[in-house]
Amino acid sequence: MAEAAAALPAASAKVVDVSGLVLGRASSLIAQRLLAGEQIVVVNAEKCVVTGPRASVIAHYTAARARGSVRSGPHFPRYPDRIFRRTVRGMLPHLKTRGKEAYDRLEVFMGVPAEYQSTPREVLEIAKAPATLRTAITLGEVSQLLGARV
């Protein structure tokens, strides 16, 4: 019976494809929609783009990963779907009840799972990465540099 209840919200969930979108912009738009009560499924998290100079992006994520201790944290994720979830969490009041409930309505996947293959996907046009001279780094590349086996 619990499996049937878990499958019901997925039918009403909005599927958002974040490939080629800027991480911060997409996360803030998704956080606003979660607080408004929507259930959101994010696909292709590893294709999300982090803007900025490549060296400083890598330095930021490696410093965040190395911060704290193994026992007491803070624990920073290594995989792209978890990095995306943590970025959205940072934009929610996740220590309050409404923020926790909003965060629970978020699902993030690398690639597109079989259950969402035929579902129409939204693309957030406002969050598209601009065409620049330097090549942007994706969350998949960041994860590989952090040691994830993506």
C-alpha atoms as a PDB file:
ATOM      1  CA  MET A   1       0.000   0.000   0.000  1.00  0.00           C
ATOM      2  CA  ALA A   2       2.901   2.372   0.738  1.00  0.00           C
ATOM      3  CA  GLU A   3       4.281   1.785  -2.762  1.00  0.00           C
ATOM      4  CA  ALA A   4       0.995   2.882  -4.333  1.00  0.00           C
ATOM      5  CA  ALA A   5       0.944   6.030  -2.201  1.00  0.00           C
ATOM      6  CA  ALA A   6       4.503   6.864  -3.225  1.00  0.00           C
ATOM      7  CA  ALA A   7       3.632   6.464  -6.916  1.00  0.00           C
ATOM      8  CA  LEU A   8       0.679   8.873  -6.786  1.00  0.00           C
ATOM      9  CA  PRO A   9       2.577  12.167  -6.326  1.00  0.00           C
ATOM     10  CA  ALA A  10       4.943  11.346  -9.189  1.00  0.00           C
ATOM     11  CA  ALA A  11       2.033  11.497 -11.637  1.00  0.00           C
ATOM     12  CA  SER A  12       1.297  15.110 -10.661  1.00  0.00           C
ATOM     13  CA  ALA A  13       4.952  16.126 -10.498  1.00  0.00           C
ATOM     14  CA  LYS A  14       6.430  18.583 -12.964  1.00  0.00           C
ATOM     15  CA  VAL A  15       9.506  17.209 -14.730  1.00  0.00           C
ATOM     16  CA  VAL A  16      12.193  19.834 -15.314  1.00  0.00           C
ATOM     17  CA  ASP A  17      15.172  19.182 -17.597  1.00  0.00           C
ATOM     18  CA  VAL A  18      18.155  21.212 -16.362  1.00  0.00           C
ATOM     19  CA  SER A  19      20.649  20.328 -19.099  1.00  0.00           C
ATOM     20  CA  GLY A  20      22.364  23.516 -20.231  1.00  0.00           C
ATOM     21  CA  LEU A  21      20.882  25.630 -17.425  1.00  0.00           C
ATOM     22  CA  VAL A  22      22.893  27.671 -14.923  1.00  0.00           C
ATOM     23  CA  LEU A  23      22.957  25.897 -11.545  1.00  0.00           C
ATOM     24  CA  GLY A  24      22.118  28.888  -9.338  1.00  0.00           C
ATOM     25  CA  ARG A  25      19.385  30.303 -11.557  1.00  0.00           C
ATOM     26  CA  ALA A  26      17.649  26.967 -12.015  1.00  0.00           C
ATOM     27  CA  SER A  27      17.935  26.195  -8.291  1.00  0.00           C
ATOM     28  CA  SER A  28      16.377  29.487  -7.243  1.00  0.00           C
ATOM     29  CA  LEU A  29      13.452  29.099  -9.656  1.00  0.00           C
ATOM     30  CA  ILE A  30      12.859  25.533  -8.475  1.00  0.00           C
ATOM     31  CA  ALA A  31      13.079  26.594  -4.815  1.00  0.00           C
ATOM     32  CA  GLN A  32      10.401  29.247  -5.383  1.00  0.00           C
ATOM     33  CA  ARG A  33       8.114  26.695  -7.029  1.00  0.00           C
ATOM     34  CA  LEU A  34       8.690  24.182  -4.225  1.00  0.00           C
ATOM     35  CA  LEU A  35       7.711  26.791  -1.639  1.00  0.00           C
ATOM     36  CA  ALA A  36       4.567  27.453  -3.674  1.00  0.00           C
ATOM     37  CA  GLY A  37       3.588  23.802  -3.196  1.00  0.00           C
ATOM     38  CA  GLU A  38       4.619  22.153  -6.470  1.00  0.00           C
ATOM     39  CA  GLN A  39       6.206  18.718  -6.656  1.00  0.00           C
ATOM     40  CA  ILE A  40       9.226  18.830  -8.967  1.00  0.00           C
ATOM     41  CA  VAL A  41      11.358  16.121 -10.538  1.00  0.00           C
ATOM     42  CA  VAL A  42      14.690  17.320 -11.941  1.00  0.00           C
ATOM     43  CA  VAL A  43      16.368  15.232 -14.660  1.00  0.00           C
ATOM     44  CA  ASN A  44      19.827  15.454 -16.288  1.00  0.00           C
ATOM     45  CA  ALA A  45      21.443  17.062 -13.245  1.00  0.00           C
ATOM     46  CA  GLU A  46      24.924  16.167 -14.487  1.00  0.00           C
ATOM     47  CA  LYS A  47      24.437  18.455 -17.531  1.00  0.00           C
ATOM     48  CA  CYS A  48      23.697  21.544 -15.430  1.00  0.00           C
ATOM     49  CA  VAL A  49      26.265  24.322 -15.902  1.00  0.00           C
ATOM     50  CA  VAL A  50      28.290  26.139 -13.246  1.00  0.00           C
ATOM     51  CA  THR A  51      29.426  29.557 -14.482  1.00  0.00           C
ATOM     52  CA  GLY A  52      32.629  31.345 -13.627  1.00  0.00           C
ATOM     53  CA  PRO A  53      36.324  30.759 -14.232  1.00  0.00           C
ATOM     54  CA  ARG A  54      37.026  27.048 -14.301  1.00  0.00           C
ATOM     55  CA  ALA A  55      39.817  27.207 -11.710  1.00  0.00           C
ATOM     56  CA  SER A  56      37.727  29.123  -9.168  1.00  0.00           C
ATOM     57  CA  VAL A  57      34.717  26.809  -9.609  1.00  0.00           C
ATOM     58  CA  ILE A  58      36.903  23.767  -9.005  1.00  0.00           C
ATOM     59  CA  ALA A  59      38.580  25.452  -6.030  1.00  0.00           C
ATOM     60  CA  HIS A  60      35.188  26.310  -4.500  1.00  0.00           C
ATOM     61  CA  TYR A  61      33.842  22.763  -4.708  1.00  0.00           C
ATOM     62  CA  THR A  62      37.060  21.079  -3.539  1.00  0.00           C
ATOM     63  CA  ALA A  63      37.280  23.473  -0.563  1.00  0.00           C
ATOM     64  CA  ALA A  64      33.655  22.792   0.345  1.00  0.00           C
ATOM     65  CA  ARG A  65      34.269  19.050   0.109  1.00  0.00           C
ATOM     66  CA  ALA A  66      37.398  19.244   2.290  1.00  0.00           C
ATOM     67  CA  ARG A  67      35.801  21.450   4.964  1.00  0.00           C
ATOM     68  CA  GLY A  68      35.001  19.951   8.364  1.00  0.00           C
ATOM     69  CA  SER A  69      35.618  16.408   9.494  1.00  0.00           C
ATOM     70  CA  VAL A  70      34.327  12.999   8.455  1.00  0.00           C
ATOM     71  CA  ARG A  71      32.584  12.522  11.766  1.00  0.00           C
ATOM     72  CA  SER A  72      30.953  15.857  12.486  1.00  0.00           C
ATOM     73  CA  GLY A  73      30.606  17.451   9.034  1.00  0.00           C
ATOM     74  CA  PRO A  74      29.583  19.577   7.282  1.00  0.00           C
ATOM     75  CA  HIS A  75      29.162  16.836   4.709  1.00  0.00           C
ATOM     76  CA  PHE A  76      29.286  18.155   1.164  1.00  0.00           C
ATOM     77  CA  PRO A  77      28.108  15.840  -1.638  1.00  0.00           C
ATOM     78  CA  ARG A  78      30.229  14.555  -4.478  1.00  0.00           C
ATOM     79  CA  TYR A  79      27.623  13.395  -7.029  1.00  0.00           C
ATOM     80  CA  PRO A  80      25.818  15.851  -9.372  1.00  0.00           C
ATOM     81  CA  ASP A  81      22.273  14.993  -8.285  1.00  0.00           C
ATOM     82  CA  ARG A  82      23.174  15.493  -4.636  1.00  0.00           C
ATOM     83  CA  ILE A  83      25.069  18.729  -5.339  1.00  0.00           C
ATOM     84  CA  PHE A  84      21.966  20.030  -7.127  1.00  0.00           C
ATOM     85  CA  ARG A  85      19.733  19.016  -4.193  1.00  0.00           C
ATOM     86  CA  ARG A  86      22.050  20.749  -1.732  1.00  0.00           C
ATOM     87  CA  THR A  87      22.076  23.911  -3.843  1.00  0.00           C
ATOM     88  CA  VAL A  88      18.271  24.006  -3.812  1.00  0.00           C
ATOM     89  CA  ARG A  89      18.298  23.272  -0.060  1.00  0.00           C
ATOM     90  CA  GLY A  90      20.453  26.347   0.468  1.00  0.00           C
ATOM     91  CA  MET A  91      17.704  28.454  -1.084  1.00  0.00           C
ATOM     92  CA  LEU A  92      14.974  27.024   1.146  1.00  0.00           C
ATOM     93  CA  PRO A  93      14.311  27.636   4.848  1.00  0.00           C
ATOM     94  CA  HIS A  94      15.187  23.961   5.360  1.00  0.00           C
ATOM     95  CA  LEU A  95      15.283  24.169   9.154  1.00  0.00           C
ATOM     96  CA  LYS A  96      11.629  25.246   9.310  1.00  0.00           C
ATOM     97  CA  THR A  97       8.617  23.038   8.701  1.00  0.00           C
ATOM     98  CA  ARG A  98       7.535  24.612   5.407  1.00  0.00           C
ATOM     99  CA  GLY A  99      11.093  24.398   4.074  1.00  0.00           C
ATOM    100  CA  LYS A 100      11.407  20.733   5.055  1.00  0.00           C
ATOM    101  CA  GLU A 101       8.099  19.937   3.389  1.00  0.00           C
ATOM    102  CA  ALA A 102       9.156  21.823   0.259  1.00  0.00           C
ATOM    103  CA  TYR A 103      12.506  20.006   0.191  1.00  0.00           C
ATOM    104  CA  ASP A 104      10.711  16.662   0.457  1.00  0.00           C
ATOM    105  CA  ARG A 105       8.765  17.506  -2.728  1.00  0.00           C
ATOM    106  CA  LEU A 106      12.012  17.612  -4.742  1.00  0.00           C
ATOM    107  CA  GLU A 107      13.492  14.648  -6.608  1.00  0.00           C
ATOM    108  CA  VAL A 108      16.729  14.934  -8.587  1.00  0.00           C
ATOM    109  CA  PHE A 109      18.126  12.362 -11.013  1.00  0.00           C
ATOM    110  CA  MET A 110      21.201  11.948 -13.178  1.00  0.00           C
ATOM    111  CA  GLY A 111      19.939  11.192 -16.662  1.00  0.00           C
ATOM    112  CA  VAL A 112      16.272  10.419 -17.238  1.00  0.00           C
ATOM    113  CA  PRO A 113      14.771   7.453 -15.346  1.00  0.00           C
ATOM    114  CA  ALA A 114      12.568   5.025 -17.272  1.00  0.00           C
ATOM    115  CA  GLU A 115       9.416   6.182 -15.474  1.00  0.00           C
ATOM    116  CA  TYR A 116       9.877   9.752 -16.772  1.00  0.00           C
ATOM    117  CA  GLN A 117      10.951   8.916 -20.357  1.00  0.00           C
ATOM    118  CA  SER A 118       7.523   9.633 -21.854  1.00  0.00           C
ATOM    119  CA  THR A 119       6.639  12.522 -19.539  1.00  0.00           C
ATOM    120  CA  PRO A 120       6.845  15.980 -21.159  1.00  0.00           C
ATOM    121  CA  ARG A 121       9.741  17.978 -19.714  1.00  0.00           C
ATOM    122  CA  GLU A 122       9.856  21.661 -18.926  1.00  0.00           C
ATOM    123  CA  VAL A 123      12.856  23.832 -19.697  1.00  0.00           C
ATOM    124  CA  LEU A 124      13.314  27.007 -17.661  1.00  0.00           C
ATOM    125  CA  GLU A 125      14.149  29.535 -20.395  1.00  0.00           C
ATOM    126  CA  ILE A 126      15.206  32.223 -17.894  1.00  0.00           C
ATOM    127  CA  ALA A 127      17.957  29.972 -16.515  1.00  0.00           C
ATOM    128  CA  LYS A 128      19.630  29.128 -19.838  1.00  0.00           C
ATOM    129  CA  ALA A 129      23.405  29.507 -19.843  1.00  0.00           C
ATOM    130  CA  PRO A 130      24.576  32.422 -21.988  1.00  0.00           C
ATOM    131  CA  ALA A 131      26.856  31.761 -24.936  1.00  0.00           C
ATOM    132  CA  THR A 132      30.247  33.040 -23.786  1.00  0.00           C
ATOM    133  CA  LEU A 133      33.819  32.842 -24.988  1.00  0.00           C
ATOM    134  CA  ARG A 134      34.929  30.455 -22.235  1.00  0.00           C
ATOM    135  CA  THR A 135      33.494  27.006 -21.970  1.00  0.00           C
ATOM    136  CA  ALA A 136      31.408  26.455 -18.869  1.00  0.00           C
ATOM    137  CA  ILE A 137      31.980  23.523 -16.537  1.00  0.00           C
ATOM    138  CA  THR A 138      29.153  21.057 -15.947  1.00  0.00           C
ATOM    139  CA  LEU A 139      28.202  19.425 -12.659  1.00  0.00           C
ATOM    140  CA  GLY A 140      29.263  16.090 -14.132  1.00  0.00           C
ATOM    141  CA  GLU A 141      32.800  17.397 -14.671  1.00  0.00           C
ATOM    142  CA  VAL A 142      32.898  18.895 -11.175  1.00  0.00           C
ATOM    143  CA  SER A 143      31.787  15.579  -9.718  1.00  0.00           C
ATOM    144  CA  GLN A 144      34.485  13.666 -11.562  1.00  0.00           C
ATOM    145  CA  LEU A 145      37.091  16.083 -10.214  1.00  0.00           C
ATOM    146  CA  LEU A 146      35.722  15.513  -6.694  1.00  0.00           C
ATOM    147  CA  GLY A 147      36.225  11.783  -7.137  1.00  0.00           C
ATOM    148  CA  ALA A 148      32.723  10.602  -8.085  1.00  0.00           C
ATOM    149  CA  ARG A 149      32.399   7.731 -10.527  1.00  0.00           C
ATOM    150  CA  VAL A 150      29.782   9.235 -12.824  1.00  0.00           C
END
